[in-house]
């Protein structure tokens, strides 16, 4: 493990940020209160492991596109002296762990806990719809602001395991078992974290795995139905756990209201009806654990390749971009009718880096496959940047081509 390096008050970082004080510390780095060049207060998360630099950058770009009143705003990410930094809007208020330690006797009033849970579930439901998993839901990452709970500090850092893989960094007992041991994560992982948080806010401390404590008999105001919901959300195996934030909130008796927040998908005016292309690019990104995905279709009038829909990083800028057949990776795939997996697209002669620079998003790795109908290539499906920081390879092509066939059938 790389030892964290503490940043002293007064330290100046790239972009004009100045460290003021530490806010929290972890095994991979720390979060600091800082001042931006314009004088605004921000929180800066510091990652020191250079082996995770690509992953940190990819995930940070995606987080910066989230927009929901209960999700912290990510405003910048940058590198400085071999370290990576994530800049977030500073949320004024106390985290729920401090609120619990200040006001708990030993827990907080049930009605207050349920309202905190509902507000958190709103935020997590939104991020799950955007193919984002928080991974580190706990009272420490839920700030009780004047406007209610705001979710902060997404768990994007990882620690290298002895077998060369990675495992999550977080707080045991709040983390779902599959997160703790490095298995596949899902929205159910955050359901576990929020359920463990609710348990802690009610009792004064997190549950142990398969905790036998009878809440309905020991915590005033906790009903049998509430306890049953918590236990269903704390199931050790994710397949036996409540599947979504909607189901968890409903079980708590605090159903979620109309959804808020900006979708990470963008489609061109007049594209396929009913949000079909939006659903395709969103699903594509989820299936391939990508930071971005897009669909470009051939304009029959001009033979140009036009980006009609995109999801994730750079989505607003890429929709509407036109390429000549043979130009860029997408144009080359349309021209040749064969898919490509590019481990490092910045070194590929076909990559239109100048166009990518204009969109504000230059990917590391790409997977591009043709969209074919009745023997004709009608467009291309592109997948950009694996969110684990790895590269796409030939083994991904068959899966991508099958997915492209399903997309064409839907279109």
Protein backbone atom coordinates (compact mmCIF):
# COMPACT_ATOMS: atom_id res chain seq x y z
CA UNK A 1 0.00 0.00 0.00
CA UNK A 2 1.22 3.51 -0.82
CA UNK A 3 1.32 5.69 2.27
CA UNK A 4 -0.89 8.79 2.04
CA UNK A 5 0.95 12.14 1.96
CA UNK A 6 -0.65 14.85 4.05
CA UNK A 7 -1.11 18.24 2.43
CA UNK A 8 -0.41 21.13 4.81
CA UNK A 9 -2.59 24.25 5.05
CA UNK A 10 -1.33 26.82 2.57
CA UNK A 11 -0.25 24.22 -0.03
CA UNK A 12 -0.96 25.53 -3.52
CA UNK A 13 -2.03 23.14 -6.25
CA UNK A 14 -2.42 23.39 -10.01
CA UNK A 15 -5.41 25.47 -11.07
CA UNK A 16 -4.98 27.99 -8.26
CA UNK A 17 -6.39 25.85 -5.45
CA UNK A 18 -5.06 26.43 -1.93
CA UNK A 19 -5.42 23.85 0.85
CA UNK A 20 -7.00 25.21 4.05
CA UNK A 21 -7.59 22.18 6.30
CA UNK A 22 -8.11 18.43 6.29
CA UNK A 23 -11.69 17.14 6.30
CA UNK A 24 -11.21 13.36 6.31
CA UNK A 25 -8.47 10.79 5.69
CA UNK A 26 -8.44 7.31 4.21
CA UNK A 27 -6.07 4.58 3.12
CA UNK A 28 -5.61 5.93 -0.42
CA UNK A 29 -5.67 9.66 0.22
CA UNK A 30 -7.66 12.37 1.95
CA UNK A 31 -10.27 15.07 1.47
CA UNK A 32 -9.37 18.69 2.16
CA UNK A 33 -11.17 21.97 2.48
CA UNK A 34 -9.63 24.36 -0.03
CA UNK A 35 -10.11 27.73 -1.67
CA UNK A 36 -10.44 28.07 -5.45
CA UNK A 37 -8.75 30.81 -7.44
CA UNK A 38 -12.03 32.77 -7.49
CA UNK A 39 -12.28 32.59 -3.70
CA UNK A 40 -14.98 29.92 -3.60
CA UNK A 41 -14.87 27.14 -0.99
CA UNK A 42 -14.32 23.63 -2.37
CA UNK A 43 -13.52 20.14 -1.13
CA UNK A 44 -10.58 18.40 -2.84
CA UNK A 45 -10.14 14.63 -2.86
CA UNK A 46 -6.51 13.56 -3.23
CA UNK A 47 -5.53 10.25 -4.83
CA UNK A 48 -1.85 9.33 -4.52
CA UNK A 49 -1.64 5.96 -6.31
CA UNK A 50 -0.32 6.69 -9.83
CA UNK A 51 -1.40 3.21 -10.97
CA UNK A 52 -5.01 4.38 -10.68
CA UNK A 53 -4.57 7.68 -12.51
CA UNK A 54 -6.47 6.66 -15.67
CA UNK A 55 -9.34 5.16 -13.69
CA UNK A 56 -9.57 8.21 -11.44
CA UNK A 57 -9.63 10.57 -14.45
CA UNK A 58 -12.26 8.51 -16.30
CA UNK A 59 -14.55 8.25 -13.28
CA UNK A 60 -14.09 11.91 -12.34
CA UNK A 61 -15.14 13.05 -15.81
CA UNK A 62 -18.31 11.03 -15.49
CA UNK A 63 -19.10 12.27 -11.98
CA UNK A 64 -18.71 15.87 -13.17
CA UNK A 65 -21.75 15.40 -15.42
CA UNK A 66 -24.08 14.36 -12.60
CA UNK A 67 -26.55 17.06 -11.66
CA UNK A 68 -29.02 16.50 -8.82
CA UNK A 69 -29.84 18.68 -5.79
CA UNK A 70 -28.86 15.84 -3.42
CA UNK A 71 -25.61 14.88 -5.15
CA UNK A 72 -22.43 16.88 -4.59
CA UNK A 73 -21.28 18.87 -7.62
CA UNK A 74 -17.93 17.73 -9.04
CA UNK A 75 -16.43 20.85 -10.61
CA UNK A 76 -12.91 19.88 -11.65
CA UNK A 77 -10.26 17.16 -11.80
CA UNK A 78 -6.55 17.56 -12.45
CA UNK A 79 -3.08 16.15 -11.91
CA UNK A 80 -0.23 17.75 -10.00
CA UNK A 81 3.22 16.32 -9.15
CA UNK A 82 2.18 12.74 -9.85
CA UNK A 83 -1.07 12.88 -7.86
CA UNK A 84 -4.68 13.20 -9.02
CA UNK A 85 -7.25 15.52 -7.49
CA UNK A 86 -11.04 15.67 -7.64
CA UNK A 87 -12.63 19.04 -6.82
CA UNK A 88 -16.16 19.16 -5.39
CA UNK A 89 -18.42 21.95 -4.27
CA UNK A 90 -18.07 22.26 -0.51
CA UNK A 91 -21.36 21.32 1.16
CA UNK A 92 -21.94 23.23 4.39
CA UNK A 93 -23.32 21.19 7.26
CA UNK A 94 -22.52 18.18 9.42
CA UNK A 95 -22.21 14.62 8.18
CA UNK A 96 -24.71 12.20 9.68
CA UNK A 97 -21.98 10.40 11.65
CA UNK A 98 -21.28 13.62 13.54
CA UNK A 99 -24.99 14.30 13.92
CA UNK A 100 -25.39 10.81 15.38
CA UNK A 101 -22.51 11.28 17.83
CA UNK A 102 -23.86 14.69 18.84
CA UNK A 103 -27.58 13.95 19.13
CA UNK A 104 -27.94 10.16 19.36
CA UNK A 105 -29.22 8.56 22.54
CA UNK A 106 -27.95 6.20 21.31
CA UNK A 107 -29.81 6.57 17.98
CA UNK A 108 -31.75 9.41 16.37
CA UNK A 109 -35.58 9.72 16.29
CA UNK A 110 -37.13 7.25 13.86
CA UNK A 111 -38.96 9.92 11.84
CA UNK A 112 -35.73 11.86 11.34
CA UNK A 113 -33.87 8.74 10.25
CA UNK A 114 -36.57 7.82 7.74
CA UNK A 115 -36.48 11.30 6.22
CA UNK A 116 -32.69 11.17 5.94
CA UNK A 117 -33.04 7.75 4.29
CA UNK A 118 -35.65 8.97 1.81
CA UNK A 119 -33.52 11.93 0.74
CA UNK A 120 -30.45 9.72 0.35
CA UNK A 121 -32.44 7.15 -1.63
CA UNK A 122 -33.54 9.95 -4.00
CA UNK A 123 -29.92 10.78 -4.74
CA UNK A 124 -28.82 7.16 -5.12
CA UNK A 125 -31.80 6.29 -7.32
CA UNK A 126 -30.72 9.09 -9.66
CA UNK A 127 -27.08 8.05 -9.84
CA UNK A 128 -28.07 4.41 -10.40
CA UNK A 129 -30.18 5.49 -13.37
CA UNK A 130 -27.00 7.09 -14.74
CA UNK A 131 -25.01 3.81 -14.44
CA UNK A 132 -23.10 5.12 -11.41
CA UNK A 133 -22.66 3.22 -8.14
CA UNK A 134 -21.54 5.17 -5.08
CA UNK A 135 -19.75 2.17 -3.47
CA UNK A 136 -19.17 3.84 -0.08
CA UNK A 137 -22.56 4.81 1.36
CA UNK A 138 -22.19 5.53 5.08
CA UNK A 139 -23.18 8.30 7.53
CA UNK A 140 -19.80 10.02 7.04
CA UNK A 141 -20.60 10.61 3.33
CA UNK A 142 -24.07 12.05 3.90
CA UNK A 143 -23.99 15.76 4.73
CA UNK A 144 -27.01 17.23 6.49
CA UNK A 145 -27.12 20.65 4.82
CA UNK A 146 -29.71 23.41 5.34
CA UNK A 147 -31.52 21.99 2.28
CA UNK A 148 -31.39 18.37 3.46
CA UNK A 149 -29.07 15.43 2.87
CA UNK A 150 -26.41 15.70 0.17
CA UNK A 151 -24.42 12.62 -0.91
CA UNK A 152 -20.67 13.25 -1.18
CA UNK A 153 -17.33 11.45 -1.73
CA UNK A 154 -18.08 8.70 -4.23
CA UNK A 155 -15.87 5.67 -3.61
CA UNK A 156 -13.77 5.75 -6.77
CA UNK A 157 -10.46 4.88 -5.11
CA UNK A 158 -9.17 1.31 -4.93
CA UNK A 159 -6.37 -0.45 -3.09
CA UNK A 160 -4.17 -3.03 -4.81
CA UNK A 161 -4.80 -6.54 -3.50
CA UNK A 162 -2.13 -9.20 -3.03
CA UNK A 163 -3.28 -11.06 -6.17
CA UNK A 164 -2.65 -8.01 -8.35
CA UNK A 165 -6.33 -7.03 -8.50
CA UNK A 166 -8.03 -4.23 -6.66
CA UNK A 167 -10.44 -4.00 -3.79
CA UNK A 168 -12.65 -1.23 -2.52
CA UNK A 169 -11.56 1.20 0.15
CA UNK A 170 -14.28 2.09 2.61
CA UNK A 171 -15.64 1.36 6.05
CA UNK A 172 -16.33 -2.31 6.88
CA UNK A 173 -19.85 -3.06 8.19
CA UNK A 174 -21.25 -0.27 6.02
CA UNK A 175 -19.92 -1.91 2.87
CA UNK A 176 -21.77 -4.73 1.15
CA UNK A 177 -19.83 -8.00 1.35
CA UNK A 178 -19.33 -8.15 -2.43
CA UNK A 179 -17.75 -4.69 -2.40
CA UNK A 180 -15.44 -5.60 0.45
CA UNK A 181 -14.02 -8.66 -1.32
CA UNK A 182 -13.85 -7.16 -4.80
CA UNK A 183 -16.73 -9.01 -6.45
CA UNK A 184 -19.13 -7.44 -8.97
CA UNK A 185 -20.98 -4.42 -7.64
CA UNK A 186 -24.48 -3.21 -8.50
CA UNK A 187 -27.17 -0.86 -7.17
CA UNK A 188 -27.83 -3.56 -4.55
CA UNK A 189 -24.41 -2.75 -3.10
CA UNK A 190 -25.56 0.80 -2.33
CA UNK A 191 -28.87 -0.57 -0.99
CA UNK A 192 -26.82 -2.47 1.58
CA UNK A 193 -24.80 0.63 2.48
CA UNK A 194 -27.90 2.76 3.00
CA UNK A 195 -29.60 0.01 5.05
CA UNK A 196 -26.52 -0.27 7.26
CA UNK A 197 -26.56 3.51 7.61
CA UNK A 198 -30.23 3.51 8.65
CA UNK A 199 -29.48 0.76 11.18
CA UNK A 200 -26.63 2.84 12.64
CA UNK A 201 -28.74 6.00 12.84
CA UNK A 202 -31.44 4.04 14.70
CA UNK A 203 -29.20 2.12 17.10
CA UNK A 204 -26.02 4.18 17.42
CA UNK A 205 -23.77 1.83 15.45
CA UNK A 206 -23.64 -0.23 12.24
CA UNK A 207 -24.83 -3.84 12.17
CA UNK A 208 -22.54 -6.82 12.01
CA UNK A 209 -23.17 -9.19 9.12
CA UNK A 210 -26.35 -11.17 9.84
CA UNK A 211 -26.83 -9.09 13.04
CA UNK A 212 -29.39 -10.87 15.27
CA UNK A 213 -30.28 -7.75 17.28
CA UNK A 214 -34.12 -7.53 17.43
CA UNK A 215 -34.67 -3.88 16.51
CA UNK A 216 -38.46 -3.86 16.86
CA UNK A 217 -38.11 -4.91 20.51
CA UNK A 218 -35.13 -2.79 21.46
CA UNK A 219 -35.52 0.50 19.54
CA UNK A 220 -38.62 2.60 20.33
CA UNK A 221 -40.68 3.40 17.24
CA UNK A 222 -39.22 0.66 15.02
CA UNK A 223 -42.01 -1.52 13.64
CA UNK A 224 -41.77 -5.12 12.57
CA UNK A 225 -42.27 -4.07 8.95
CA UNK A 226 -39.40 -1.58 9.18
CA UNK A 227 -37.11 -4.21 10.64
CA UNK A 228 -38.10 -6.72 7.94
CA UNK A 229 -37.24 -4.16 5.26
CA UNK A 230 -33.83 -3.47 6.80
CA UNK A 231 -33.01 -7.16 7.00
CA UNK A 232 -34.11 -7.69 3.39
CA UNK A 233 -31.78 -4.86 2.38
CA UNK A 234 -28.91 -6.30 4.45
CA UNK A 235 -28.95 -9.80 2.96
CA UNK A 236 -25.40 -11.10 2.59
CA UNK A 237 -25.89 -12.37 -0.96
CA UNK A 238 -26.83 -9.56 -3.36
CA UNK A 239 -29.28 -11.73 -5.32
CA UNK A 240 -31.35 -12.12 -2.12
CA UNK A 241 -31.22 -8.42 -1.30
CA UNK A 242 -33.77 -5.71 -2.15
CA UNK A 243 -32.93 -4.83 -5.72
CA UNK A 244 -33.33 -1.06 -5.89
CA UNK A 245 -33.57 2.19 -4.00
CA UNK A 246 -37.21 2.41 -5.04
CA UNK A 247 -37.97 -0.94 -3.39
CA UNK A 248 -36.01 -0.01 -0.26
CA UNK A 249 -37.70 3.40 0.11
CA UNK A 250 -41.14 1.85 -0.41
CA UNK A 251 -40.38 -0.76 2.24
CA UNK A 252 -39.42 1.99 4.68
CA UNK A 253 -42.78 3.64 4.04
CA UNK A 254 -41.13 6.63 2.33
CA UNK A 255 -41.75 6.10 -1.40
CA UNK A 256 -39.70 8.21 -3.80
CA UNK A 257 -41.31 11.14 -5.57
CA UNK A 258 -40.88 12.25 -9.19
CA UNK A 259 -37.28 11.90 -10.33
CA UNK A 260 -35.00 14.93 -10.46
CA UNK A 261 -31.62 15.45 -12.04
CA UNK A 262 -30.08 15.66 -15.48
CA UNK A 263 -29.77 12.57 -17.64
CA UNK A 264 -26.27 11.81 -18.88
CA UNK A 265 -27.76 10.88 -22.26
CA UNK A 266 -28.17 13.42 -25.08
CA UNK A 267 -29.99 12.87 -28.38
CA UNK A 268 -30.30 14.98 -31.49
CA UNK A 269 -33.58 16.68 -32.30
CA UNK A 270 -35.77 14.47 -34.44
CA UNK A 271 -33.97 11.25 -33.53
CA UNK A 272 -35.75 7.93 -32.94
CA UNK A 273 -39.02 8.43 -31.00
CA UNK A 274 -39.69 7.61 -27.37
CA UNK A 275 -36.12 8.09 -26.20
CA UNK A 276 -35.07 4.86 -27.95
CA UNK A 277 -31.56 6.01 -28.84
CA UNK A 278 -31.12 7.40 -25.34
CA UNK A 279 -31.96 4.02 -23.86
CA UNK A 280 -29.62 2.26 -26.28
CA UNK A 281 -26.56 4.40 -25.47
CA UNK A 282 -27.34 4.29 -21.75
CA UNK A 283 -27.64 0.49 -21.82
CA UNK A 284 -24.52 0.16 -23.96
CA UNK A 285 -22.48 2.10 -21.40
CA UNK A 286 -23.86 -0.05 -18.61
CA UNK A 287 -23.18 -3.36 -20.37
CA UNK A 288 -19.58 -2.41 -21.17
CA UNK A 289 -18.93 -0.49 -17.91
CA UNK A 290 -17.97 2.48 -20.06
CA UNK A 291 -17.52 6.16 -19.34
CA UNK A 292 -19.26 7.06 -22.60
CA UNK A 293 -21.14 5.54 -25.52
CA UNK A 294 -22.50 6.95 -28.76
CA UNK A 295 -24.42 6.11 -31.91
CA UNK A 296 -23.53 7.67 -35.25
CA UNK A 297 -25.77 7.13 -38.30
CA UNK A 298 -25.09 7.68 -41.99
CA UNK A 299 -26.84 10.73 -43.45
CA UNK A 300 -28.15 9.39 -46.76
CA UNK A 301 -28.27 12.85 -48.29
CA UNK A 302 -24.59 13.66 -47.68
CA UNK A 303 -23.07 10.21 -46.87
CA UNK A 304 -21.60 11.81 -43.73
CA UNK A 305 -21.57 9.99 -40.42
CA UNK A 306 -23.60 12.00 -37.87
CA UNK A 307 -23.61 11.43 -34.10
CA UNK A 308 -27.28 11.14 -33.16
CA UNK A 309 -27.04 10.08 -29.49
CA UNK A 310 -24.45 9.89 -26.75
CA UNK A 311 -24.24 9.05 -23.07
CA UNK A 312 -21.66 10.08 -20.49
CA UNK A 313 -18.57 12.23 -20.76
CA UNK A 314 -18.68 14.75 -23.61
CA UNK A 315 -22.22 13.78 -24.61
CA UNK A 316 -23.49 17.32 -25.16
CA UNK A 317 -20.60 18.20 -27.44
CA UNK A 318 -20.45 15.04 -29.54
CA UNK A 319 -24.12 14.94 -30.59
CA UNK A 320 -24.45 16.65 -33.97
CA UNK A 321 -20.77 16.21 -34.92
CA UNK A 322 -20.37 15.12 -38.55
CA UNK A 323 -17.55 12.99 -39.97
CA UNK A 324 -16.71 12.16 -43.56
CA UNK A 325 -16.85 8.45 -44.33
CA UNK A 326 -13.39 7.14 -43.46
CA UNK A 327 -12.70 9.99 -41.02
CA UNK A 328 -12.01 9.13 -37.40
CA UNK A 329 -12.56 5.71 -35.86
CA UNK A 330 -16.33 5.76 -36.37
CA UNK A 331 -16.01 6.92 -39.98
CA UNK A 332 -13.36 4.29 -40.65
CA UNK A 333 -15.55 1.53 -39.23
CA UNK A 334 -18.50 2.67 -41.37
CA UNK A 335 -16.26 2.72 -44.46
CA UNK A 336 -14.67 -0.70 -43.80
CA UNK A 337 -17.71 -2.40 -42.24
CA UNK A 338 -15.51 -4.03 -39.59
CA UNK A 339 -15.33 -3.37 -35.88
CA UNK A 340 -12.17 -2.34 -34.05
CA UNK A 341 -10.96 -2.52 -30.46
CA UNK A 342 -8.32 0.13 -29.79
CA UNK A 343 -6.30 -0.29 -26.61
CA UNK A 344 -4.77 3.20 -26.89
CA UNK A 345 -6.76 5.26 -29.35
CA UNK A 346 -4.54 8.32 -28.92
CA UNK A 347 -1.79 6.41 -30.76
CA UNK A 348 -4.04 5.14 -33.55
CA UNK A 349 -3.66 6.96 -36.87
CA UNK A 350 -7.40 6.73 -37.52
CA UNK A 351 -8.31 8.56 -34.30
CA UNK A 352 -9.59 12.10 -34.97
CA UNK A 353 -7.96 13.70 -31.94
CA UNK A 354 -8.60 17.25 -33.14
CA UNK A 355 -12.34 16.56 -33.22
CA UNK A 356 -12.19 14.88 -29.82
CA UNK A 357 -10.37 17.92 -28.40
CA UNK A 358 -13.23 20.14 -29.57
CA UNK A 359 -15.74 18.04 -27.63
CA UNK A 360 -13.64 18.40 -24.48
CA UNK A 361 -13.22 14.64 -24.09
CA UNK A 362 -10.24 12.68 -25.39
CA UNK A 363 -10.71 8.98 -24.55
CA UNK A 364 -7.99 6.48 -23.69
CA UNK A 365 -9.49 3.33 -25.22
CA UNK A 366 -12.36 2.68 -27.64
CA UNK A 367 -14.50 -0.09 -29.04
CA UNK A 368 -16.30 0.74 -32.31
CA UNK A 369 -18.53 -1.65 -34.27
CA UNK A 370 -20.65 -1.13 -37.41
CA UNK A 371 -24.43 -0.99 -37.34
CA UNK A 372 -25.62 -3.12 -40.27
CA UNK A 373 -29.08 -3.63 -41.75
CA UNK A 374 -29.78 -5.88 -44.74
CA UNK A 375 -26.11 -5.91 -45.63
CA UNK A 376 -25.71 -2.12 -45.54
CA UNK A 377 -23.70 -0.26 -42.90
CA UNK A 378 -26.04 2.40 -41.51
CA UNK A 379 -23.82 3.71 -38.73
CA UNK A 380 -21.47 2.88 -35.87
CA UNK A 381 -21.77 2.15 -32.16
CA UNK A 382 -18.86 3.48 -30.09
CA UNK A 383 -17.88 2.58 -26.52
CA UNK A 384 -15.31 4.79 -24.80
CA UNK A 385 -13.10 4.16 -21.77
CA UNK A 386 -13.52 1.24 -19.42
CA UNK A 387 -14.25 2.69 -16.01
CA UNK A 388 -11.80 0.36 -14.30
CA UNK A 389 -9.00 2.06 -16.25
CA UNK A 390 -8.31 -0.99 -18.42
CA UNK A 391 -8.32 -1.26 -22.21
CA UNK A 392 -10.75 -2.77 -24.69
CA UNK A 393 -9.36 -5.65 -26.74
CA UNK A 394 -10.29 -8.16 -29.45
CA UNK A 395 -12.23 -10.24 -26.94
CA UNK A 396 -14.76 -7.43 -26.59
CA UNK A 397 -15.59 -7.27 -30.30
CA UNK A 398 -17.90 -10.30 -30.53
CA UNK A 399 -19.95 -9.09 -27.57
CA UNK A 400 -20.12 -5.59 -29.02
CA UNK A 401 -21.22 -6.83 -32.43
CA UNK A 402 -24.02 -8.89 -30.90
CA UNK A 403 -25.12 -5.84 -28.95
CA UNK A 404 -25.02 -3.74 -32.14
CA UNK A 405 -27.32 -6.26 -33.85
CA UNK A 406 -29.83 -5.88 -31.03
CA UNK A 407 -29.58 -2.08 -31.31
CA UNK A 408 -30.28 -2.17 -35.06
CA UNK A 409 -33.30 -4.44 -34.49
CA UNK A 410 -34.62 -1.96 -31.92
CA UNK A 411 -34.01 1.05 -34.18
